[in-house]
Amino acid sequence: MVASQSMNSMRMSRSAVIQAIASFGPVSKASIATITGLSKQTVSEFVANLDSEGWVRTVGQTAGHAGRRAVLCEISRP
């Protein structure tokens, strides 16, 4: 029972990440975390998995502000 709830929660979280990228992309992982309410670490893990599966790709970095530049993600197009 707990395992199925956990898997369902993971599917919903993954779906939320995909929806955020599709709706707001190109978008940073930090912005995805804000949009979805998921932690930055969770978003990073989902984005890495989606990237390795070919669903998402990185398209550049933010510019024009101090600090580390955020990597932007978008849905991969065939």
Protein backbone atom coordinates (compact mmCIF):
# COMPACT_ATOMS: atom_id res chain seq x y z
CA MET A 1 0.00 0.00 0.00
CA VAL A 2 2.73 2.47 0.96
CA ALA A 3 4.79 1.55 -2.11
CA SER A 4 1.86 2.21 -4.45
CA GLN A 5 1.20 5.57 -2.78
CA SER A 6 4.88 6.45 -3.16
CA MET A 7 4.90 5.47 -6.85
CA ASN A 8 1.71 7.46 -7.44
CA SER A 9 3.26 10.48 -5.73
CA MET A 10 6.40 10.16 -7.88
CA ARG A 11 4.30 9.96 -11.06
CA MET A 12 2.35 13.05 -10.05
CA SER A 13 5.55 14.95 -9.23
CA ARG A 14 7.17 13.93 -12.52
CA SER A 15 4.03 15.00 -14.36
CA ALA A 16 4.08 18.37 -12.55
CA VAL A 17 7.70 18.94 -13.64
CA ILE A 18 6.88 18.08 -17.26
CA GLN A 19 3.82 20.35 -17.19
CA ALA A 20 5.83 23.25 -15.75
CA ILE A 21 8.50 22.89 -18.43
CA ALA A 22 5.88 22.60 -21.19
CA SER A 23 3.94 25.62 -19.93
CA PHE A 24 6.77 27.97 -18.98
CA GLY A 25 9.83 26.70 -20.89
CA PRO A 26 12.57 27.49 -21.35
CA VAL A 27 12.60 27.58 -17.57
CA SER A 28 15.20 27.11 -14.82
CA LYS A 29 15.11 24.26 -12.32
CA ALA A 30 14.73 26.83 -9.52
CA SER A 31 11.64 28.23 -11.24
CA ILE A 32 10.25 24.72 -11.73
CA ALA A 33 10.69 24.14 -7.99
CA THR A 34 8.79 27.35 -7.23
CA ILE A 35 6.01 26.54 -9.71
CA THR A 36 5.52 22.95 -8.55
CA GLY A 37 6.26 23.33 -4.84
CA LEU A 38 8.84 20.53 -5.08
CA SER A 39 12.34 20.85 -3.62
CA LYS A 40 15.18 21.95 -5.90
CA GLN A 41 16.87 18.58 -5.33
CA THR A 42 13.74 16.68 -6.40
CA VAL A 43 13.35 18.85 -9.49
CA SER A 44 17.03 18.35 -10.38
CA GLU A 45 16.62 14.57 -10.13
CA PHE A 46 13.49 14.55 -12.29
CA VAL A 47 15.06 16.87 -14.89
CA ALA A 48 18.21 14.71 -15.06
CA ASN A 49 16.08 11.60 -15.60
CA LEU A 50 13.88 13.30 -18.19
CA ASP A 51 17.01 14.56 -19.98
CA SER A 52 18.56 11.09 -20.10
CA GLU A 53 15.26 9.71 -21.45
CA GLY A 54 15.16 12.38 -24.18
CA TRP A 55 12.05 14.21 -22.93
CA VAL A 56 13.82 17.40 -21.82
CA ARG A 57 16.90 19.25 -23.01
CA THR A 58 18.97 22.15 -21.75
CA VAL A 59 18.93 25.18 -24.01
CA GLY A 60 21.20 27.74 -22.39
CA GLN A 61 21.74 29.78 -19.28
CA THR A 62 20.30 32.91 -17.77
CA ALA A 63 22.40 36.05 -18.15
CA GLY A 64 22.64 39.52 -16.74
CA HIS A 65 22.79 38.99 -13.00
CA ALA A 66 25.39 38.21 -10.36
CA GLY A 67 25.95 34.68 -9.12
CA ARG A 68 25.70 31.31 -10.77
CA ARG A 69 23.78 31.28 -14.03
CA ALA A 70 20.70 29.08 -14.08
CA VAL A 71 20.49 26.38 -16.73
CA LEU A 72 17.29 26.60 -18.78
CA CYS A 73 15.28 23.52 -19.73
CA GLU A 74 12.62 22.92 -22.35
CA ILE A 75 10.67 19.99 -23.75
CA SER A 76 12.63 18.19 -26.48
CA ARG A 77 11.09 18.45 -29.91
CA PRO A 78 11.64 15.66 -32.46
